[in-house]
Amino acid sequence: MAGLYVHIPFCSSRCVYCGFYSTTSLSQRQRYVDALCHEMEMRGPEQPSVATVYLGGGTPSQLSAPQLKQLFDAIYNIYNVEEDAEVTLECNPDDVTDEFAGELPSLPVNRVSMGAQTFSDARLQFLHRRHSAGMVAEAVRRLRQAGIDNVSVDLMYGFPGETLTEWQQDIESALALNVEHLSAYALSYEEGTPLWQLLQRGLAEELDDELQRQMYYTLIDHLEAAGFEHYELSNFARQGRRSRHNSAYWNHTPYQGIGAAAHSLCGNRRQWNIDHLQHYMQAIEEGRVPAEEEVLDRDTLYNERVMTALRTRQGLPLQLLSDEERNYCLRVAAKYFDCGWLRRDADRLCLTRDGLFVSDRVMSDLMKA
């Protein structure tokens, strides 16, 4: 079953670490929503039905209730959205006001993903986040009152100067929220971001690998002890609460992306829209989708399957590979069996616990040049 992703690029301010396409041109929101609806009308569904809908960004909660209703009306009029579809809306904690939460029951949203990042006000200020630590619990309370029984929270670790004890406190604060899903990512210094510039100027310093490794395994141990399933490198869920939309990405399920910078995948065909707000809207208004497309060759499809499947608890199904690909994969994997970073479970390759922290190295080595 297919997924539908709608990119909402608007942010009232830009976080120092963010490498996603976003804009602070908030005056363009209505024009952009109109363009999204028009793109959906022009492209139409690529699959018989849609099992997951995800509004990501950017900050989708920067849209007004009427704008969100306009979007969802278009989605449900154009696509065959399954009755039990997972419908996710990304939110910032400070956007979840009483008024915003009060509008949620009128929308088909049944899952909210919220960026807490940390429960330290000092670290939030360093990231240029708009919310305070105390706003996260209040936002969760409001979402519960609005009937949202599937809440996911994002965390970050590896801040300059952060200690293992401080990270443990963040984990405990997140667990105290009693949410259904947690995602946690090491702070990444992506080239071109303000954070990267701070690093280059000597105003920020990356934590050493050993401390980050300890933080990662501390995360795993705490969440598994609390009853969460570690189902993907950075994602943890209570029973039955995995992100169905993101799981579809990792399983190479077709998805359609709508909006500026959005990507789509259908079989061996990938498409991506232009990452420029004004150019995107102008093109849509002229009746054309400003997208590029590529047909993925066999080696690229193999590489992507390795990269996505090995991230998951299920691992890489060897039966999906050709004989040549399977032989190549197992030949390269042999050294990782020996050192204990990979294991073979029946007809699957899986990362071991020791292999999780070095997953990028293992996956890149298994790929074809």
Protein backbone atom coordinates (compact mmCIF):
# COMPACT_ATOMS: atom_id res chain seq x y z
CA MET A 1 0.00 0.00 0.00
CA ALA A 2 1.29 3.42 -0.95
CA GLY A 3 2.18 6.39 1.21
CA LEU A 4 1.54 10.09 0.58
CA TYR A 5 3.97 12.72 1.84
CA VAL A 6 3.14 16.44 1.76
CA HIS A 7 5.99 18.85 2.44
CA ILE A 8 5.19 22.01 4.40
CA PRO A 9 8.43 24.06 4.33
CA PHE A 10 7.40 26.95 6.57
CA CYS A 11 9.25 27.74 9.81
CA SER A 12 8.99 30.91 11.86
CA SER A 13 12.70 30.57 12.58
CA ARG A 14 15.45 28.25 11.38
CA CYS A 15 17.13 25.75 13.69
CA VAL A 16 20.92 25.72 13.57
CA TYR A 17 21.18 22.02 12.63
CA CYS A 18 18.48 21.77 9.98
CA GLY A 19 19.49 20.60 6.51
CA PHE A 20 15.94 20.08 5.23
CA TYR A 21 14.42 22.51 2.75
CA SER A 22 12.54 25.19 4.67
CA THR A 23 11.66 28.86 4.44
CA THR A 24 10.61 31.66 6.77
CA SER A 25 8.41 33.29 4.07
CA LEU A 26 5.25 32.82 6.11
CA SER A 27 3.24 35.27 4.00
CA GLN A 28 3.21 32.68 1.21
CA ARG A 29 1.35 29.99 3.16
CA GLN A 30 -2.06 30.28 1.51
CA ARG A 31 -0.60 30.50 -1.99
CA TYR A 32 1.48 27.42 -1.24
CA VAL A 33 -1.48 25.41 0.08
CA ASP A 34 -3.37 26.27 -3.11
CA ALA A 35 -0.39 25.05 -5.12
CA LEU A 36 -0.25 21.78 -3.17
CA CYS A 37 -3.89 21.11 -3.92
CA HIS A 38 -3.34 21.91 -7.58
CA GLU A 39 -0.31 19.59 -7.80
CA MET A 40 -2.37 16.76 -6.34
CA GLU A 41 -5.09 17.41 -8.92
CA MET A 42 -2.57 17.41 -11.78
CA ARG A 43 -0.67 14.31 -10.73
CA GLY A 44 -3.43 12.22 -9.24
CA PRO A 45 -2.86 8.95 -7.38
CA GLU A 46 -0.07 6.66 -8.59
CA GLN A 47 -1.33 3.67 -6.57
CA PRO A 48 -4.82 2.20 -6.02
CA SER A 49 -4.94 3.22 -2.38
CA VAL A 50 -3.06 5.20 0.26
CA ALA A 51 -2.29 3.56 3.61
CA THR A 52 -0.34 6.43 5.20
CA VAL A 53 -0.46 10.22 4.94
CA TYR A 54 2.35 12.31 6.41
CA LEU A 55 2.49 16.11 6.61
CA GLY A 56 6.14 16.96 7.31
CA GLY A 57 8.41 19.92 7.05
CA GLY A 58 9.38 22.46 7.93
CA THR A 59 6.61 22.99 10.42
CA PRO A 60 3.13 21.86 9.29
CA SER A 61 1.67 23.21 12.53
CA GLN A 62 2.47 26.69 11.17
CA LEU A 63 -0.56 26.29 8.89
CA SER A 64 -3.93 27.56 10.08
CA ALA A 65 -6.81 25.20 10.78
CA PRO A 66 -8.65 26.27 7.57
CA GLN A 67 -5.47 25.67 5.54
CA LEU A 68 -5.01 22.21 7.04
CA LYS A 69 -8.68 21.43 6.36
CA GLN A 70 -8.25 22.56 2.75
CA LEU A 71 -5.29 20.21 2.36
CA PHE A 72 -7.00 17.22 3.89
CA ASP A 73 -10.17 17.82 1.88
CA ALA A 74 -8.07 17.72 -1.29
CA ILE A 75 -6.24 14.58 -0.17
CA TYR A 76 -9.42 12.69 0.63
CA ASN A 77 -11.18 13.88 -2.53
CA ILE A 78 -8.32 12.95 -4.87
CA TYR A 79 -6.86 9.83 -3.25
CA ASN A 80 -8.42 6.61 -2.07
CA VAL A 81 -7.26 6.89 1.54
CA GLU A 82 -7.86 3.68 3.45
CA GLU A 83 -10.29 3.81 6.34
CA ASP A 84 -7.62 2.82 8.88
CA ALA A 85 -4.85 4.94 7.33
CA GLU A 86 -2.16 6.36 9.58
CA VAL A 87 -2.37 10.16 9.24
CA THR A 88 0.59 11.98 10.80
CA LEU A 89 1.06 15.69 11.39
CA GLU A 90 4.42 17.11 12.49
CA CYS A 91 4.12 19.79 15.16
CA ASN A 92 6.30 22.08 17.21
CA PRO A 93 5.42 22.05 20.94
CA ASP A 94 4.83 25.80 21.05
CA ASP A 95 2.30 25.56 18.21
CA VAL A 96 0.11 23.12 20.17
CA THR A 97 -2.02 25.77 21.86
CA ASP A 98 -5.49 25.13 23.25
CA GLU A 99 -6.91 26.63 20.06
CA PHE A 100 -4.75 24.43 17.79
CA ALA A 101 -5.56 21.28 19.77
CA GLY A 102 -9.23 22.16 19.70
CA GLU A 103 -9.20 22.04 15.90
CA LEU A 104 -7.58 18.59 15.67
CA PRO A 105 -10.79 16.57 16.15
CA SER A 106 -12.16 18.14 12.96
CA LEU A 107 -9.18 16.78 10.98
CA PRO A 108 -8.38 13.15 10.08
CA VAL A 109 -5.07 13.32 11.99
CA ASN A 110 -4.57 10.29 14.26
CA ARG A 111 -0.83 10.58 14.92
CA VAL A 112 1.34 13.57 15.88
CA SER A 113 5.14 13.71 15.64
CA MET A 114 6.63 16.45 17.79
CA GLY A 115 10.18 17.76 17.95
CA ALA A 116 11.14 18.06 21.61
CA GLN A 117 14.89 17.59 20.88
CA THR A 118 15.97 18.15 24.50
CA PHE A 119 14.54 19.07 27.89
CA SER A 120 17.32 21.54 28.64
CA ASP A 121 16.36 25.16 28.01
CA ALA A 122 20.04 26.02 27.47
CA ARG A 123 20.40 23.39 24.76
CA LEU A 124 17.10 24.45 23.17
CA GLN A 125 18.42 28.01 22.97
CA PHE A 126 21.63 26.72 21.40
CA LEU A 127 19.52 25.00 18.70
CA HIS A 128 17.44 28.19 18.19
CA ARG A 129 14.28 26.26 19.05
CA ARG A 130 11.25 28.40 19.88
CA HIS A 131 9.81 26.29 22.68
CA SER A 132 10.90 25.79 26.25
CA ALA A 133 11.32 22.41 27.91
CA GLY A 134 8.12 22.85 29.91
CA MET A 135 6.02 23.32 26.78
CA VAL A 136 6.51 19.71 25.66
CA ALA A 137 4.53 18.10 28.48
CA GLU A 138 1.82 20.73 28.11
CA ALA A 139 1.60 20.02 24.37
CA VAL A 140 1.25 16.28 25.00
CA ARG A 141 -1.51 16.96 27.54
CA ARG A 142 -3.41 19.06 24.99
CA LEU A 143 -2.99 16.43 22.28
CA ARG A 144 -4.42 13.78 24.63
CA GLN A 145 -7.41 16.00 25.37
CA ALA A 146 -7.91 16.37 21.62
CA GLY A 147 -8.13 12.58 21.28
CA ILE A 148 -4.68 11.91 19.81
CA ASP A 149 -3.64 8.54 21.22
CA ASN A 150 -0.51 8.10 19.09
CA VAL A 151 2.21 10.66 19.88
CA SER A 152 5.84 10.51 18.80
CA VAL A 153 8.61 12.68 20.24
CA ASP A 154 12.00 13.43 18.65
CA LEU A 155 15.15 13.73 20.76
CA MET A 156 18.74 14.74 20.02
CA TYR A 157 21.97 13.84 21.75
CA GLY A 158 25.63 14.68 21.31
CA PHE A 159 25.43 18.42 22.03
CA PRO A 160 28.74 20.22 22.58
CA GLY A 161 29.71 19.63 26.19
CA GLU A 162 26.76 17.33 26.94
CA THR A 163 27.40 14.67 29.56
CA LEU A 164 26.09 11.12 29.73
CA THR A 165 24.16 12.05 32.87
CA GLU A 166 22.45 14.96 31.10
CA TRP A 167 21.45 12.66 28.25
CA GLN A 168 20.02 10.14 30.71
CA GLN A 169 17.94 12.94 32.23
CA ASP A 170 16.56 13.80 28.77
CA ILE A 171 15.62 10.15 28.21
CA GLU A 172 13.84 9.98 31.56
CA SER A 173 11.98 13.22 30.82
CA ALA A 174 10.80 11.79 27.50
CA LEU A 175 9.69 8.52 29.11
CA ALA A 176 7.72 10.49 31.71
CA LEU A 177 5.50 11.78 28.89
CA ASN A 178 4.15 8.24 28.30
CA VAL A 179 4.19 8.67 24.53
CA GLU A 180 3.83 5.80 22.08
CA HIS A 181 6.91 6.44 19.95
CA LEU A 182 10.37 7.98 20.33
CA SER A 183 12.97 8.89 17.72
CA ALA A 184 16.48 9.91 18.71
CA TYR A 185 19.29 11.24 16.53
CA ALA A 186 22.86 12.31 17.15
CA LEU A 187 23.36 16.01 16.52
CA SER A 188 24.66 16.23 12.96
CA TYR A 189 26.94 18.94 11.60
CA GLU A 190 25.68 19.15 8.02
CA GLU A 191 27.68 21.31 5.67
CA GLY A 192 26.01 24.64 4.94
CA THR A 193 24.01 24.79 8.18
CA PRO A 194 24.64 27.42 10.88
CA LEU A 195 25.80 24.59 13.13
CA TRP A 196 28.45 23.61 10.58
CA GLN A 197 29.63 27.21 10.49
CA LEU A 198 29.94 27.26 14.29
CA LEU A 199 32.06 24.11 14.05
CA GLN A 200 34.31 25.64 11.40
CA ARG A 201 34.80 28.79 13.47
CA GLY A 202 35.72 26.80 16.57
CA LEU A 203 32.58 27.90 18.44
CA ALA A 204 31.22 24.35 18.72
CA GLU A 205 32.95 21.02 19.20
CA GLU A 206 31.71 17.55 18.35
CA LEU A 207 31.62 14.97 21.11
CA ASP A 208 34.10 12.14 20.76
CA ASP A 209 32.87 8.87 19.24
CA GLU A 210 33.19 6.86 22.44
CA LEU A 211 30.89 9.18 24.40
CA GLN A 212 28.37 9.22 21.56
CA ARG A 213 28.51 5.42 21.48
CA GLN A 214 27.78 5.29 25.21
CA MET A 215 24.88 7.69 24.71
CA TYR A 216 23.42 5.56 21.93
CA TYR A 217 23.55 2.33 23.92
CA THR A 218 22.22 4.10 27.01
CA LEU A 219 19.25 5.17 24.89
CA ILE A 220 18.63 1.60 23.72
CA ASP A 221 18.91 0.12 27.21
CA HIS A 222 16.59 2.68 28.83
CA LEU A 223 13.89 2.46 26.18
CA GLU A 224 13.91 -1.32 25.91
CA ALA A 225 13.69 -1.56 29.70
CA ALA A 226 10.64 0.73 29.48
CA GLY A 227 8.93 -1.64 27.03
CA PHE A 228 9.81 0.04 23.74
CA GLU A 229 10.72 -2.01 20.68
CA HIS A 230 13.91 -0.89 18.95
CA TYR A 231 12.64 -1.45 15.41
CA GLU A 232 14.96 0.87 13.44
CA LEU A 233 18.35 2.43 14.14
CA SER A 234 16.88 5.65 15.54
CA ASN A 235 13.27 4.65 16.25
CA PHE A 236 11.51 3.02 19.19
CA ALA A 237 7.85 2.14 19.55
CA ARG A 238 5.45 0.61 22.00
CA GLN A 239 3.71 -2.55 20.83
CA GLY A 240 1.81 -1.90 17.60
CA ARG A 241 2.91 1.75 17.37
CA ARG A 242 5.68 1.66 14.81
CA SER A 243 5.57 4.52 12.31
CA ARG A 244 3.81 2.86 9.39
CA HIS A 245 4.74 5.70 7.05
CA ASN A 246 8.46 5.66 7.76
CA SER A 247 8.48 1.86 7.77
CA ALA A 248 7.22 2.03 4.20
CA TYR A 249 10.33 4.04 3.23
CA TRP A 250 12.58 1.40 4.73
CA ASN A 251 10.64 -1.40 3.01
CA HIS A 252 10.88 0.28 -0.41
CA THR A 253 7.10 0.75 -0.58
CA PRO A 254 5.91 3.24 -3.24
CA TYR A 255 5.16 6.76 -2.03
CA GLN A 256 4.18 10.02 -3.65
CA GLY A 257 5.67 13.31 -2.49
CA ILE A 258 3.79 16.58 -2.96
CA GLY A 259 5.27 20.05 -2.56
CA ALA A 260 8.56 21.89 -2.92
CA ALA A 261 11.56 19.53 -2.49
CA ALA A 262 9.29 16.48 -2.06
CA HIS A 263 10.49 13.12 -3.40
CA SER A 264 8.47 10.24 -4.85
CA LEU A 265 9.31 6.59 -5.50
CA CYS A 266 7.41 4.11 -7.63
CA GLY A 267 9.21 0.90 -8.53
CA ASN A 268 12.49 1.87 -10.16
CA ARG A 269 11.42 5.46 -10.84
CA ARG A 270 12.30 8.33 -8.51
CA GLN A 271 11.02 11.88 -8.88
CA TRP A 272 11.81 15.05 -6.93
CA ASN A 273 10.30 18.52 -7.04
CA ILE A 274 12.35 21.69 -7.22
CA ASP A 275 13.53 22.95 -3.82
CA HIS A 276 12.57 26.59 -4.33
CA LEU A 277 9.30 27.95 -2.96
CA GLN A 278 8.67 30.69 -5.52
CA HIS A 279 9.70 28.63 -8.53
CA TYR A 280 7.58 25.71 -7.33
CA MET A 281 4.43 27.81 -6.88
CA GLN A 282 4.89 29.63 -10.18
CA ALA A 283 5.30 26.39 -12.10
CA ILE A 284 2.22 24.81 -10.51
CA GLU A 285 0.19 27.93 -11.28
CA GLU A 286 1.30 27.60 -14.91
CA GLY A 287 0.00 24.04 -14.97
CA ARG A 288 3.26 22.09 -14.81
CA VAL A 289 4.96 20.08 -12.08
CA PRO A 290 8.55 21.34 -11.64
CA ALA A 291 10.16 17.94 -11.14
CA GLU A 292 13.08 15.88 -12.29
CA GLU A 293 13.02 12.12 -12.65
CA GLU A 294 15.49 9.26 -12.86
CA VAL A 295 15.18 5.57 -13.54
CA LEU A 296 17.17 3.60 -10.98
CA ASP A 297 19.47 0.94 -12.40
CA ARG A 298 19.91 -2.48 -10.80
CA ASP A 299 23.00 -1.53 -8.76
CA THR A 300 21.32 1.59 -7.39
CA LEU A 301 18.24 -0.41 -6.38
CA TYR A 302 20.50 -2.94 -4.67
CA ASN A 303 22.37 -0.19 -2.81
CA GLU A 304 19.15 1.45 -1.65
CA ARG A 305 17.75 -1.86 -0.43
CA VAL A 306 20.93 -2.48 1.59
CA MET A 307 20.87 1.06 3.01
CA THR A 308 17.21 0.98 4.08
CA ALA A 309 16.64 -2.65 5.05
CA LEU A 310 19.71 -2.97 7.28
CA ARG A 311 18.45 0.00 9.31
CA THR A 312 15.53 -2.12 10.50
CA ARG A 313 15.16 -4.86 13.07
CA GLN A 314 14.06 -7.26 10.31
CA GLY A 315 17.26 -6.67 8.37
CA LEU A 316 17.98 -7.36 4.70
CA PRO A 317 15.94 -10.21 3.13
CA LEU A 318 18.44 -12.10 0.97
CA GLN A 319 15.66 -13.70 -1.10
CA LEU A 320 14.92 -10.29 -2.61
CA LEU A 321 18.39 -10.17 -4.13
CA SER A 322 19.49 -11.77 -7.37
CA ASP A 323 21.98 -14.66 -7.16
CA GLU A 324 24.80 -12.32 -8.18
CA GLU A 325 23.78 -9.68 -5.62
CA ARG A 326 23.40 -12.23 -2.84
CA ASN A 327 26.81 -13.77 -3.53
CA TYR A 328 28.42 -10.34 -3.59
CA CYS A 329 26.68 -9.27 -0.37
CA LEU A 330 27.60 -12.41 1.56
CA ARG A 331 31.20 -12.28 0.35
CA VAL A 332 31.65 -8.72 1.63
CA ALA A 333 29.67 -9.48 4.80
CA ALA A 334 31.96 -12.34 5.82
CA LYS A 335 34.40 -10.10 7.69
CA TYR A 336 31.52 -8.53 9.63
CA PHE A 337 30.27 -11.97 10.67
CA ASP A 338 33.76 -12.66 12.00
CA CYS A 339 34.02 -9.44 14.01
CA GLY A 340 30.44 -9.69 15.30
CA TRP A 341 28.86 -6.69 13.58
CA LEU A 342 26.52 -8.71 11.34
CA ARG A 343 24.65 -11.95 11.79
CA ARG A 344 22.60 -14.14 9.46
CA ASP A 345 19.13 -15.07 10.70
CA ALA A 346 17.75 -17.72 8.30
CA ASP A 347 17.63 -15.81 5.02
CA ARG A 348 18.22 -12.32 6.41
CA LEU A 349 21.24 -10.21 7.28
CA CYS A 350 20.89 -8.18 10.48
CA LEU A 351 23.11 -5.82 12.38
CA THR A 352 24.13 -7.06 15.80
CA ARG A 353 24.08 -4.80 18.84
CA ASP A 354 27.80 -4.15 18.36
CA GLY A 355 27.15 -3.33 14.71
CA LEU A 356 24.45 -0.73 15.33
CA PHE A 357 26.77 2.18 16.11
CA VAL A 358 28.97 1.45 13.06
CA SER A 359 26.02 0.78 10.76
CA ASP A 360 27.03 3.46 8.23
CA ARG A 361 30.41 1.80 7.76
CA VAL A 362 28.88 -1.67 7.35
CA MET A 363 26.16 -0.57 4.93
CA SER A 364 28.47 1.49 2.75
CA ASP A 365 30.87 -1.44 2.49
CA LEU A 366 28.09 -3.78 1.35
CA MET A 367 27.05 -1.38 -1.41
CA LYS A 368 28.34 -1.55 -4.95
CA ALA A 369 30.56 1.24 -6.16
